[in-house]
Amino acid sequence: MSTLTESRAGSDLATRLERVRMASFGALTMLILQFVLGTAYNLYGTAPTGTKSVGLFSSPLLAIHVVLGILLIIAAAFLVFRAAQARAGAGAVLAASIVGLLAILAAAGDGSAFAHNGANGASLGMAIGTAIAMLCYAANLVILGKRRG
């Protein structure tokens, strides 16, 4: 392999890792927004009960929360794809990205359950899923930040 080819390969890897780092920051930002929207709806929205569910698009705040959640699932799936592409030394980043996606999917499932029955456990599940995903993407930022410096 020539020096030029090695340099180009190293540059491509650095670019891929930087994309994973920025995607992790974007996912973390979206999760923070989701948390704020969910908390705001919990405080000011109409809570579902065991006998009366709430439509996922019954209020503008909840509709934004749902749409952002769908976009977050897509972003988290792409992040797993990017982390898998980066390969070289990014095993921990790939693992954290997969766990982050699974945590977001769990939070979405709990959110759907909460909208139907208002169960406190489902609300707690959303919060825990969000916290786990935040931790995963923050870990990605730390791991990939060390690689830069």
C-alpha atoms as a PDB file:
ATOM      1  CA  MET A   1       0.000   0.000   0.000  1.00  0.00           C
ATOM      2  CA  SER A   2       1.398   3.390  -0.922  1.00  0.00           C
ATOM      3  CA  THR A   3       1.681   6.286   1.492  1.00  0.00           C
ATOM      4  CA  LEU A   4      -1.026   8.126  -0.441  1.00  0.00           C
ATOM      5  CA  THR A   5      -3.410   5.161  -0.165  1.00  0.00           C
ATOM      6  CA  GLU A   6      -2.700   4.803   3.584  1.00  0.00           C
ATOM      7  CA  SER A   7      -3.265   8.523   4.072  1.00  0.00           C
ATOM      8  CA  ARG A   8      -6.545   8.400   2.167  1.00  0.00           C
ATOM      9  CA  ALA A   9      -7.732   5.336   4.157  1.00  0.00           C
ATOM     10  CA  GLY A  10      -6.900   7.082   7.439  1.00  0.00           C
ATOM     11  CA  SER A  11      -8.706  10.200   6.277  1.00  0.00           C
ATOM     12  CA  ASP A  12     -11.789   8.156   5.291  1.00  0.00           C
ATOM     13  CA  LEU A  13     -11.851   6.484   8.711  1.00  0.00           C
ATOM     14  CA  ALA A  14     -11.501   9.837  10.458  1.00  0.00           C
ATOM     15  CA  THR A  15     -14.370  11.201   8.359  1.00  0.00           C
ATOM     16  CA  ARG A  16     -16.584   8.213   9.192  1.00  0.00           C
ATOM     17  CA  LEU A  17     -15.820   8.489  12.907  1.00  0.00           C
ATOM     18  CA  GLU A  18     -16.541  12.224  12.816  1.00  0.00           C
ATOM     19  CA  ARG A  19     -19.922  11.479  11.201  1.00  0.00           C
ATOM     20  CA  VAL A  20     -20.706   9.009  13.985  1.00  0.00           C
ATOM     21  CA  ARG A  21     -19.683  11.620  16.565  1.00  0.00           C
ATOM     22  CA  MET A  22     -21.908  14.280  15.023  1.00  0.00           C
ATOM     23  CA  ALA A  23     -24.802  11.825  14.611  1.00  0.00           C
ATOM     24  CA  SER A  24     -24.446  10.927  18.300  1.00  0.00           C
ATOM     25  CA  PHE A  25     -24.608  14.610  19.204  1.00  0.00           C
ATOM     26  CA  GLY A  26     -27.694  15.028  17.019  1.00  0.00           C
ATOM     27  CA  ALA A  27     -29.420  12.029  18.613  1.00  0.00           C
ATOM     28  CA  LEU A  28     -28.578  13.299  22.096  1.00  0.00           C
ATOM     29  CA  THR A  29     -30.000  16.721  21.208  1.00  0.00           C
ATOM     30  CA  MET A  30     -33.191  15.139  19.862  1.00  0.00           C
ATOM     31  CA  LEU A  31     -33.538  13.070  23.051  1.00  0.00           C
ATOM     32  CA  ILE A  32     -33.237  16.184  25.195  1.00  0.00           C
ATOM     33  CA  LEU A  33     -35.956  17.855  23.114  1.00  0.00           C
ATOM     34  CA  GLN A  34     -38.118  14.714  23.447  1.00  0.00           C
ATOM     35  CA  PHE A  35     -37.642  14.751  27.203  1.00  0.00           C
ATOM     36  CA  VAL A  36     -38.664  18.416  27.409  1.00  0.00           C
ATOM     37  CA  LEU A  37     -41.725  17.878  25.190  1.00  0.00           C
ATOM     38  CA  GLY A  38     -42.787  14.807  27.150  1.00  0.00           C
ATOM     39  CA  THR A  39     -42.389  16.590  30.464  1.00  0.00           C
ATOM     40  CA  ALA A  40     -44.320  19.615  29.196  1.00  0.00           C
ATOM     41  CA  TYR A  41     -47.173  17.410  27.985  1.00  0.00           C
ATOM     42  CA  ASN A  42     -47.160  15.529  31.278  1.00  0.00           C
ATOM     43  CA  LEU A  43     -47.514  18.812  33.163  1.00  0.00           C
ATOM     44  CA  TYR A  44     -49.892  20.703  30.875  1.00  0.00           C
ATOM     45  CA  GLY A  45     -51.595  18.118  28.655  1.00  0.00           C
ATOM     46  CA  THR A  46     -54.574  15.857  29.180  1.00  0.00           C
ATOM     47  CA  ALA A  47     -53.362  12.644  30.748  1.00  0.00           C
ATOM     48  CA  PRO A  48     -54.924   9.382  29.644  1.00  0.00           C
ATOM     49  CA  THR A  49     -56.703   7.205  32.179  1.00  0.00           C
ATOM     50  CA  GLY A  50     -57.428   3.510  32.434  1.00  0.00           C
ATOM     51  CA  THR A  51     -60.820   4.102  30.791  1.00  0.00           C
ATOM     52  CA  LYS A  52     -59.965   6.911  28.353  1.00  0.00           C
ATOM     53  CA  SER A  53     -56.969   6.851  26.012  1.00  0.00           C
ATOM     54  CA  VAL A  54     -55.433   9.889  24.388  1.00  0.00           C
ATOM     55  CA  GLY A  55     -54.909  10.126  20.634  1.00  0.00           C
ATOM     56  CA  LEU A  56     -51.279  10.490  19.649  1.00  0.00           C
ATOM     57  CA  PHE A  57     -52.162  13.603  17.648  1.00  0.00           C
ATOM     58  CA  SER A  58     -54.765  15.000  20.057  1.00  0.00           C
ATOM     59  CA  SER A  59     -52.730  18.119  20.859  1.00  0.00           C
ATOM     60  CA  PRO A  60     -50.018  20.029  19.008  1.00  0.00           C
ATOM     61  CA  LEU A  61     -47.481  19.354  21.777  1.00  0.00           C
ATOM     62  CA  LEU A  62     -48.136  15.618  21.732  1.00  0.00           C
ATOM     63  CA  ALA A  63     -48.122  15.545  17.919  1.00  0.00           C
ATOM     64  CA  ILE A  64     -44.672  17.179  17.833  1.00  0.00           C
ATOM     65  CA  HIS A  65     -43.508  14.686  20.470  1.00  0.00           C
ATOM     66  CA  VAL A  66     -44.725  11.754  18.357  1.00  0.00           C
ATOM     67  CA  VAL A  67     -43.255  13.056  15.083  1.00  0.00           C
ATOM     68  CA  LEU A  68     -39.914  13.811  16.740  1.00  0.00           C
ATOM     69  CA  GLY A  69     -39.980  10.319  18.226  1.00  0.00           C
ATOM     70  CA  ILE A  70     -40.398   8.775  14.779  1.00  0.00           C
ATOM     71  CA  LEU A  71     -37.556  10.902  13.432  1.00  0.00           C
ATOM     72  CA  LEU A  72     -35.445   9.898  16.421  1.00  0.00           C
ATOM     73  CA  ILE A  73     -35.964   6.202  15.691  1.00  0.00           C
ATOM     74  CA  ILE A  74     -34.847   6.784  12.096  1.00  0.00           C
ATOM     75  CA  ALA A  75     -31.813   8.807  13.239  1.00  0.00           C
ATOM     76  CA  ALA A  76     -30.847   6.126  15.779  1.00  0.00           C
ATOM     77  CA  ALA A  77     -31.088   3.400  13.126  1.00  0.00           C
ATOM     78  CA  PHE A  78     -28.857   5.419  10.784  1.00  0.00           C
ATOM     79  CA  LEU A  79     -26.422   5.943  13.659  1.00  0.00           C
ATOM     80  CA  VAL A  80     -26.127   2.171  14.104  1.00  0.00           C
ATOM     81  CA  PHE A  81     -25.478   1.885  10.360  1.00  0.00           C
ATOM     82  CA  ARG A  82     -22.794   4.605  10.476  1.00  0.00           C
ATOM     83  CA  ALA A  83     -21.136   3.032  13.520  1.00  0.00           C
ATOM     84  CA  ALA A  84     -21.064  -0.339  11.750  1.00  0.00           C
ATOM     85  CA  GLN A  85     -19.473   1.310   8.698  1.00  0.00           C
ATOM     86  CA  ALA A  86     -16.773   2.960  10.819  1.00  0.00           C
ATOM     87  CA  ARG A  87     -15.578  -0.506  12.008  1.00  0.00           C
ATOM     88  CA  ALA A  88     -11.968   0.228  12.972  1.00  0.00           C
ATOM     89  CA  GLY A  89     -11.809   0.306  16.749  1.00  0.00           C
ATOM     90  CA  ALA A  90     -15.386   1.445  17.138  1.00  0.00           C
ATOM     91  CA  GLY A  91     -16.790  -1.708  18.771  1.00  0.00           C
ATOM     92  CA  ALA A  92     -17.820   0.145  21.916  1.00  0.00           C
ATOM     93  CA  VAL A  93     -19.418   2.869  19.822  1.00  0.00           C
ATOM     94  CA  LEU A  94     -21.362   0.295  17.795  1.00  0.00           C
ATOM     95  CA  ALA A  95     -22.529  -1.440  20.982  1.00  0.00           C
ATOM     96  CA  ALA A  96     -23.616   1.852  22.563  1.00  0.00           C
ATOM     97  CA  SER A  97     -25.425   2.837  19.368  1.00  0.00           C
ATOM     98  CA  ILE A  98     -27.325  -0.462  19.279  1.00  0.00           C
ATOM     99  CA  VAL A  99     -28.290  -0.185  22.947  1.00  0.00           C
ATOM    100  CA  GLY A 100     -29.344   3.435  22.338  1.00  0.00           C
ATOM    101  CA  LEU A 101     -31.617   2.367  19.470  1.00  0.00           C
ATOM    102  CA  LEU A 102     -33.137  -0.428  21.575  1.00  0.00           C
ATOM    103  CA  ALA A 103     -33.733   2.001  24.459  1.00  0.00           C
ATOM    104  CA  ILE A 104     -35.477   4.444  22.109  1.00  0.00           C
ATOM    105  CA  LEU A 105     -37.667   1.650  20.725  1.00  0.00           C
ATOM    106  CA  ALA A 106     -38.550   0.603  24.291  1.00  0.00           C
ATOM    107  CA  ALA A 107     -39.409   4.213  25.179  1.00  0.00           C
ATOM    108  CA  ALA A 108     -41.609   4.459  22.070  1.00  0.00           C
ATOM    109  CA  GLY A 109     -43.426   1.259  23.020  1.00  0.00           C
ATOM    110  CA  ASP A 110     -43.957   2.559  26.539  1.00  0.00           C
ATOM    111  CA  GLY A 111     -45.167   5.858  25.110  1.00  0.00           C
ATOM    112  CA  SER A 112     -47.759   4.080  23.008  1.00  0.00           C
ATOM    113  CA  ALA A 113     -48.883   2.087  26.057  1.00  0.00           C
ATOM    114  CA  PHE A 114     -49.067   5.256  28.145  1.00  0.00           C
ATOM    115  CA  ALA A 115     -51.263   6.980  25.573  1.00  0.00           C
ATOM    116  CA  HIS A 116     -53.701   4.074  25.756  1.00  0.00           C
ATOM    117  CA  ASN A 117     -53.952   3.497  29.504  1.00  0.00           C
ATOM    118  CA  GLY A 118     -52.027   6.218  31.347  1.00  0.00           C
ATOM    119  CA  ALA A 119     -50.113   3.673  33.430  1.00  0.00           C
ATOM    120  CA  ASN A 120     -47.426   5.152  35.649  1.00  0.00           C
ATOM    121  CA  GLY A 121     -45.139   2.239  34.773  1.00  0.00           C
ATOM    122  CA  ALA A 122     -45.309   3.144  31.088  1.00  0.00           C
ATOM    123  CA  SER A 123     -44.442   6.750  31.894  1.00  0.00           C
ATOM    124  CA  LEU A 124     -41.476   5.574  33.960  1.00  0.00           C
ATOM    125  CA  GLY A 125     -40.460   3.251  31.116  1.00  0.00           C
ATOM    126  CA  MET A 126     -40.352   6.204  28.711  1.00  0.00           C
ATOM    127  CA  ALA A 127     -38.132   8.161  31.094  1.00  0.00           C
ATOM    128  CA  ILE A 128     -35.793   5.223  31.722  1.00  0.00           C
ATOM    129  CA  GLY A 129     -35.510   4.419  28.004  1.00  0.00           C
ATOM    130  CA  THR A 130     -34.718   8.050  27.277  1.00  0.00           C
ATOM    131  CA  ALA A 131     -32.082   8.188  30.026  1.00  0.00           C
ATOM    132  CA  ILE A 132     -30.390   5.007  28.810  1.00  0.00           C
ATOM    133  CA  ALA A 133     -30.303   6.299  25.222  1.00  0.00           C
ATOM    134  CA  MET A 134     -28.898   9.652  26.400  1.00  0.00           C
ATOM    135  CA  LEU A 135     -26.170   7.828  28.300  1.00  0.00           C
ATOM    136  CA  CYS A 136     -25.298   5.726  25.234  1.00  0.00           C
ATOM    137  CA  TYR A 137     -24.943   8.728  22.943  1.00  0.00           C
ATOM    138  CA  ALA A 138     -23.007  10.695  25.576  1.00  0.00           C
ATOM    139  CA  ALA A 139     -20.655   7.693  25.862  1.00  0.00           C
ATOM    140  CA  ASN A 140     -20.171   7.811  22.085  1.00  0.00           C
ATOM    141  CA  LEU A 141     -19.191  11.465  22.344  1.00  0.00           C
ATOM    142  CA  VAL A 142     -16.647  10.692  25.068  1.00  0.00           C
ATOM    143  CA  ILE A 143     -15.164   7.699  23.239  1.00  0.00           C
ATOM    144  CA  LEU A 144     -14.964   9.481  19.898  1.00  0.00           C
ATOM    145  CA  GLY A 145     -13.754  12.697  21.514  1.00  0.00           C
ATOM    146  CA  LYS A 146     -10.739  10.836  22.908  1.00  0.00           C
ATOM    147  CA  ARG A 147      -9.915   9.582  19.421  1.00  0.00           C
ATOM    148  CA  ARG A 148      -9.784  13.148  18.102  1.00  0.00           C
ATOM    149  CA  GLY A 149      -7.415  14.493  20.733  1.00  0.00           C
END
